[in-house]
Protein backbone atom coordinates (compact mmCIF):
# COMPACT_ATOMS: atom_id res chain seq x y z
CA MET A 1 113.93 95.90 73.81
CA VAL A 2 115.03 98.17 76.65
CA LYS A 3 112.57 100.89 75.61
CA LYS A 4 109.71 98.39 75.48
CA ARG A 5 110.55 97.14 78.97
CA ASN A 6 110.77 100.70 80.34
CA ARG A 7 107.33 101.52 78.92
CA LYS A 8 105.94 98.45 80.67
CA VAL A 9 107.54 99.47 83.99
CA GLY A 10 106.13 102.99 83.64
CA SER A 11 102.70 101.67 82.72
CA ILE A 12 102.54 99.43 85.81
CA LYS A 13 103.73 102.29 88.02
CA ASN A 14 101.02 104.60 86.67
CA GLU A 15 98.39 101.92 87.12
CA LEU A 16 99.47 101.43 90.74
CA LEU A 17 99.26 105.17 91.33
CA GLN A 18 95.78 105.39 89.83
CA LYS A 19 94.60 102.45 91.95
CA ALA A 20 96.14 104.04 95.04
CA LYS A 21 94.35 107.32 94.36
CA GLU A 22 91.01 105.58 93.79
CA ALA A 23 91.37 103.50 96.96
CA MET A 24 92.12 106.54 99.14
CA LEU A 25 89.30 108.56 97.57
CA SER A 26 86.91 105.67 98.23
CA ALA A 27 88.12 105.44 101.83
CA VAL A 28 87.48 109.14 102.49
CA GLN A 29 84.16 109.27 100.65
CA ILE A 30 82.83 106.26 102.53
CA TYR A 31 84.02 107.65 105.86
CA ASN A 32 82.22 110.95 105.15
CA ASN A 33 78.98 109.23 104.15
CA PRO A 34 76.51 109.76 107.04
CA SER A 35 74.38 106.77 106.05
CA ILE A 36 77.20 104.24 106.51
CA GLN A 37 77.86 102.81 109.97
CA PHE A 38 80.81 100.56 109.11
CA LYS A 39 82.95 103.53 108.12
CA SER A 40 86.09 103.25 110.26
CA GLU A 41 86.64 99.62 109.40
CA THR A 42 86.17 100.35 105.70
CA TYR A 43 88.47 103.38 105.84
CA ILE A 44 91.24 101.35 107.48
CA VAL A 45 91.11 98.55 104.90
CA LEU A 46 90.96 100.87 101.88
CA SER A 47 93.64 103.28 103.14
CA ILE A 48 96.02 100.38 103.79
CA ILE A 49 95.41 99.15 100.24
CA ALA A 50 95.99 102.69 98.93
CA TRP A 51 99.30 103.05 100.76
CA THR A 52 100.42 99.58 99.68
CA TYR A 53 99.87 100.43 96.00
CA LEU A 54 101.51 103.82 96.50
CA LEU A 55 104.68 102.36 98.01
CA HIS A 56 104.76 99.64 95.35
CA ALA A 57 104.73 102.43 92.76
CA TYR A 58 107.57 104.18 94.59
CA TYR A 59 109.70 101.03 94.80
CA ARG A 60 109.05 100.27 91.14
CA LYS A 61 110.15 103.79 90.24
CA GLU A 62 113.31 103.31 92.29
CA LYS A 63 113.92 99.83 90.76
CA ILE A 64 113.60 98.12 94.15
CA ASP A 65 112.16 94.60 93.92
CA TYR A 66 109.13 94.54 96.24
CA SER A 67 108.45 90.82 95.79
CA TYR A 68 109.23 87.95 98.16
CA PHE A 69 112.02 85.76 96.82
CA LYS A 70 114.98 83.59 97.75
CA LYS A 71 118.37 83.42 96.07
CA THR A 72 119.22 80.07 94.46
CA ALA A 73 122.68 78.49 94.58
CA GLY A 74 123.34 80.07 91.21
CA GLY A 75 122.43 83.54 92.48
CA ARG A 76 119.10 83.74 90.63
CA LYS A 77 115.88 84.84 92.29
CA SER A 78 113.26 82.22 93.10
CA TYR A 79 109.99 84.08 93.73
CA ASP A 80 107.42 83.05 96.32
CA ARG A 81 104.03 82.47 94.73
CA THR A 82 100.41 82.10 95.76
CA LYS A 83 98.53 78.85 95.48
CA TYR A 84 97.53 79.76 91.92
CA GLY A 85 100.90 80.99 90.74
CA ALA A 86 100.93 84.77 91.27
CA ILE A 87 104.13 86.34 92.61
CA LYS A 88 103.74 87.49 96.21
CA HIS A 89 104.39 91.20 96.66
CA TRP A 90 105.16 92.92 99.96
CA GLU A 91 102.29 93.83 102.23
CA LEU A 92 102.25 97.36 103.69
CA GLU A 93 104.10 96.46 106.89
CA ARG A 94 106.97 94.96 104.91
CA CYS A 95 107.05 98.09 102.72
CA LEU A 96 107.39 100.22 105.85
CA ASP A 97 110.17 98.05 107.29
CA GLU A 98 112.27 98.25 104.13
CA LYS A 99 115.47 100.15 104.92
CA LYS A 100 115.00 102.29 101.79
CA CYS A 101 111.44 103.27 102.71
CA PRO A 102 111.19 107.04 102.06
CA LEU A 103 108.62 107.82 104.78
CA GLN A 104 109.42 109.70 107.98
CA ASP A 105 109.01 107.89 111.31
CA ASP A 106 105.81 109.71 112.32
CA VAL A 107 104.16 108.76 109.01
CA LYS A 108 105.28 105.14 109.43
CA GLN A 109 103.88 104.99 112.96
CA ASN A 110 100.54 106.36 111.78
CA LEU A 111 100.29 103.52 109.25
CA LYS A 112 101.51 100.88 111.70
CA PHE A 113 98.82 102.06 114.12
CA LEU A 114 96.15 101.48 111.46
CA ILE A 115 97.61 98.08 110.59
CA GLY A 116 97.42 97.09 114.26
CA ILE A 117 93.80 98.26 114.53
CA ARG A 118 92.98 96.20 111.43
CA HIS A 119 94.46 93.11 113.09
CA GLU A 120 92.24 93.72 116.11
CA ILE A 121 88.99 94.13 114.16
CA GLU A 122 89.36 91.83 111.16
CA HIS A 123 88.27 88.69 113.03
CA GLN A 124 85.46 90.16 115.13
CA MET A 125 82.75 92.78 114.98
CA THR A 126 83.40 96.12 116.66
CA SER A 127 81.60 99.43 117.02
CA LYS A 128 81.95 103.09 118.01
CA ILE A 129 85.64 103.51 117.24
CA ASP A 130 85.25 106.41 114.77
CA ASN A 131 85.82 109.35 117.10
CA ALA A 132 88.57 107.69 119.10
CA ILE A 133 90.91 107.35 116.13
CA SER A 134 89.63 109.85 113.57
CA GLY A 135 92.73 112.01 114.10
CA LYS A 136 94.85 109.15 112.78
CA PHE A 137 92.56 108.88 109.74
CA GLN A 138 92.95 112.58 108.95
CA ALA A 139 96.74 112.38 109.29
CA CYS A 140 96.82 109.30 107.07
CA CYS A 141 94.92 111.12 104.33
CA ILE A 142 97.10 114.26 104.51
CA ASN A 143 100.30 112.19 104.56
CA PHE A 144 99.14 110.28 101.49
CA ASP A 145 98.48 113.42 99.48
CA ARG A 146 101.75 115.06 100.56
CA PHE A 147 103.79 111.99 99.58
CA VAL A 148 102.04 111.62 96.22
CA ILE A 149 102.77 115.24 95.30
CA THR A 150 106.39 115.05 96.50
CA GLU A 151 107.21 111.86 94.61
CA PHE A 152 104.89 111.87 91.60
CA GLY A 153 103.48 115.37 91.16
CA SER A 154 99.95 116.72 91.51
CA LYS A 155 98.38 114.46 88.87
CA TYR A 156 97.55 111.83 91.48
CA SER A 157 96.68 114.27 94.29
CA ILE A 158 93.30 113.84 95.95
CA ARG A 159 92.99 117.30 97.56
CA ASP A 160 90.91 118.79 94.74
CA HIS A 161 88.34 116.01 95.09
CA LEU A 162 87.65 116.52 98.79
CA SER A 163 85.80 119.03 100.91
CA VAL A 164 85.07 119.59 104.60
CA SER A 165 82.61 117.04 105.98
CA LEU A 166 79.51 118.70 107.44
CA GLN A 167 77.21 117.60 110.25
CA PHE A 168 73.63 118.56 111.06
CA SER A 169 73.91 119.15 114.80
CA SER A 170 76.43 120.38 117.32
CA LEU A 171 77.78 118.21 120.12
CA SER A 172 76.31 118.57 123.58
CA GLU A 173 78.55 118.61 126.66
CA PRO A 174 77.62 115.03 127.67
CA GLN A 175 78.44 113.85 124.14
CA ILE A 176 81.82 115.58 124.22
CA LYS A 177 82.64 114.06 127.61
CA GLN A 178 81.66 110.62 126.36
CA LEU A 179 83.92 110.96 123.32
CA GLN A 180 86.86 112.09 125.43
CA GLU A 181 86.53 109.21 127.87
CA MET A 182 86.01 106.63 125.08
CA THR A 183 83.69 104.72 127.43
CA ASP A 184 82.06 102.69 124.66
CA LEU A 185 85.27 101.45 123.05
CA PRO A 186 85.75 97.68 122.94
CA LYS A 187 88.32 96.77 125.60
CA ASN A 188 90.76 95.26 123.11
CA ILE A 189 90.70 98.43 120.99
CA GLU A 190 91.07 100.72 124.01
CA SER A 191 94.03 98.68 125.29
CA TYR A 192 95.66 98.63 121.87
CA ILE A 193 95.38 102.43 121.47
CA LYS A 194 96.83 103.12 124.93
CA ASP A 195 99.70 100.63 124.53
CA PHE A 196 100.61 101.90 121.05
CA ASP A 197 100.58 105.57 122.06
CA GLU A 198 102.55 104.97 125.26
CA ASN A 199 105.36 103.28 123.31
CA LEU A 200 105.87 106.27 121.01
CA SER A 201 108.41 109.01 121.56
CA ASP A 202 106.94 112.33 122.65
CA SER A 203 107.86 113.98 119.36
CA ILE A 204 106.08 111.34 117.25
CA TYR A 205 103.02 111.28 119.51
CA LYS A 206 102.60 115.06 119.17
CA SER A 207 103.30 115.10 115.43
CA PRO A 208 100.32 116.00 113.18
CA SER A 209 101.64 113.38 110.76
CA TYR A 210 100.90 110.73 113.38
CA SER A 211 97.54 112.07 114.53
CA TYR A 212 95.97 115.28 113.20
CA ARG A 213 94.37 117.17 116.09
CA VAL A 214 92.52 120.47 115.87
CA PHE A 215 90.22 122.28 118.28
CA PHE A 216 86.83 123.42 116.99
CA VAL A 217 84.97 126.28 118.65
CA GLU A 218 81.57 127.76 118.03
CA LYS A 219 82.11 131.28 116.71
CA THR A 220 79.74 134.21 117.02
CA VAL A 221 79.83 137.56 115.22
CA ASN A 222 78.73 141.02 116.28
CA HIS A 223 77.19 142.19 113.03
CA LYS A 224 75.18 140.65 110.23
CA GLY A 225 77.25 139.85 107.19
CA GLN A 226 80.44 139.19 109.12
CA ALA A 227 82.28 136.04 108.10
CA ASP A 228 81.56 133.05 110.32
CA GLN A 229 84.15 130.41 109.50
CA VAL A 230 83.64 126.79 110.44
CA ILE A 231 87.15 126.42 111.86
CA SER A 232 88.66 128.92 114.28
CA PHE A 233 92.21 129.03 115.60
CA ILE A 234 93.03 129.96 119.17
CA ALA A 235 96.27 131.47 120.42
CA ALA A 236 98.59 129.15 122.35
CA ASP A 237 98.78 131.55 125.33
CA SER A 238 95.05 132.27 125.54
CA PRO A 239 92.90 131.23 128.55
CA GLU A 240 91.03 128.82 126.30
CA ALA A 241 94.23 127.04 125.35
CA GLU A 242 95.21 126.54 128.99
CA ASP A 243 92.05 124.50 129.56
CA LEU A 244 92.58 122.16 126.64
CA ASN A 245 93.11 118.50 127.28
CA LYS A 246 96.49 117.14 126.15
CA THR A 247 94.69 115.14 123.44
CA TYR A 248 94.10 118.38 121.54
CA CYS A 249 96.66 120.21 119.47
CA VAL A 250 96.93 123.99 119.97
CA ILE A 251 97.65 125.62 116.62
CA LYS A 252 100.15 128.45 116.95
CA GLU A 253 100.08 131.28 114.47
CA GLN A 254 103.72 131.81 113.60
CA GLU A 255 106.05 132.73 110.76
CA ARG A 256 107.06 129.76 108.62
CA LYS A 257 110.64 128.65 109.14
CA LYS A 258 112.95 129.73 106.34
CA TYR A 259 116.34 128.52 105.14
CA LEU A 260 119.11 130.01 103.06
CA PRO A 261 120.51 127.73 100.31
CA LYS A 262 123.76 127.17 102.21
CA GLN A 263 121.79 126.00 105.28
CA ILE A 264 119.94 123.37 103.26
CA VAL A 265 123.17 122.21 101.59
CA LYS A 266 124.78 121.84 105.04
CA MET A 267 121.71 119.98 106.31
CA MET A 268 121.88 117.48 103.43
CA GLN A 269 125.63 117.03 103.86
CA ASP A 270 125.05 116.23 107.54
CA GLU A 271 122.54 113.58 106.44
CA GLY A 272 125.28 111.89 104.43
CA PHE A 273 124.95 113.51 101.00
CA LYS A 274 128.55 114.73 101.10
CA LYS A 275 128.82 115.45 97.36
CA LEU A 276 126.03 118.01 97.31
CA ASN A 277 127.22 121.54 96.57
CA MET A 278 125.65 124.83 95.50
CA HIS A 279 125.89 123.88 91.82
CA HIS A 280 123.79 120.76 92.45
CA PHE A 281 121.39 122.75 94.63
CA VAL A 282 120.72 125.27 91.84
CA ARG A 283 120.18 122.46 89.33
CA CYS A 284 117.73 120.85 91.77
CA TRP A 285 115.43 123.86 92.15
CA LYS A 286 115.62 124.73 88.46
CA GLU A 287 114.66 121.16 87.55
CA ILE A 288 111.28 121.55 89.28
CA ASP A 289 110.86 125.30 88.77
CA GLY A 290 111.23 125.73 92.51
CA LYS A 291 110.98 129.53 92.57
CA ASN A 292 107.67 129.58 90.74
CA PRO A 293 105.27 131.30 93.21
CA LYS A 294 102.54 128.72 92.61
CA ASN A 295 104.75 126.02 94.19
CA LYS A 296 105.05 128.01 97.45
CA PHE A 297 108.49 126.56 98.18
CA GLY A 298 109.98 129.86 99.31
CA VAL A 299 109.80 133.64 99.43
CA MET A 300 111.84 136.63 98.28
CA ILE A 301 112.79 138.97 101.13
CA GLY A 302 114.12 142.36 100.17
CA ASP A 303 115.29 142.84 96.61
CA SER A 304 117.43 139.76 96.08
CA THR A 305 117.47 137.26 98.96
CA TRP A 306 115.45 134.08 98.41
CA TYR A 307 114.59 131.91 101.41
CA TRP A 308 113.32 128.33 101.14
CA TYR A 309 110.54 126.82 103.23
CA GLU A 310 110.78 123.38 104.87
CA SER A 311 108.41 121.98 102.23
CA PHE A 312 111.22 122.24 99.67
CA ILE A 313 113.71 120.11 101.65
CA PRO A 314 112.20 116.70 100.65
CA TYR A 315 112.74 117.60 97.00
CA VAL A 316 116.42 118.32 97.67
CA ARG A 317 116.76 115.04 99.55
CA LYS A 318 115.10 113.21 96.66
CA TYR A 319 117.46 114.91 94.18
CA CYS A 320 120.46 113.75 96.22
CA GLN A 321 119.19 110.18 96.33
CA LYS A 322 118.41 110.12 92.62
CA ASN A 323 121.81 111.47 91.58
CA GLY A 324 123.91 109.50 94.04
CA LEU A 325 125.21 112.51 95.91
């Protein structure tokens, strides 16, 4: 009986993950379709659905009841239901407010921003909001894929299905100025964006997980046959960087931060996982084949010293949570 129930739980979780993946893929594909004008609104709705299904799958995996209910006098659960009898599950905002929500604050704020925009546009027509909030869309998509891989593996990743969106013309200076000033934004949307951003901490506002900002430059080459990449990176201390508006993110070329095992163990202990020790840490990375080069979780320096990248830390945190450390 227990095995049958567990198969059902796993089946529903996998179905939620598949639906989440399809919803996010649809959101991105529609947004990148040049013939569709209603793209931002559609992206917002579909990405919110995708994240809702994804967090439902997470809570189901963690055996957290994501339904609305009340406790009866006898201690049993009385579930809230729709008019036609279906159990009411949490909407995305309730999923984000759950104290056991696994998402970082910058990821949560990105989603709460999109939820707020949806509230502003769902009862009235709007237009020309794409460029003003596209950085939030890009962050939302990247956050989704990162969380899927961290929690459920690459099976439900969307990165292999996507490519860079192309356009047929470059932007003129008047067009760029118009985009920066957001002069055509509906007043309610403009006010919402400014109020939301101003209430964020500086660290969250600048985080690429809240809004993904890059600076594109037209690149020329001296000789035929030289590579001409679509995206170029500029140095943080270059003259070009000094002229950038604060709405752009300067990408610094730097060495990735590395950690020794004992540093990560100390970090997790400071977070409250007091039982974690080196024995547990070794079991954690062996469980997911952490030193396999294809995972890119770390690097060997010298003949015998292995350093871990920051990308491995969420897996250690998840291991601690799963094993009650």
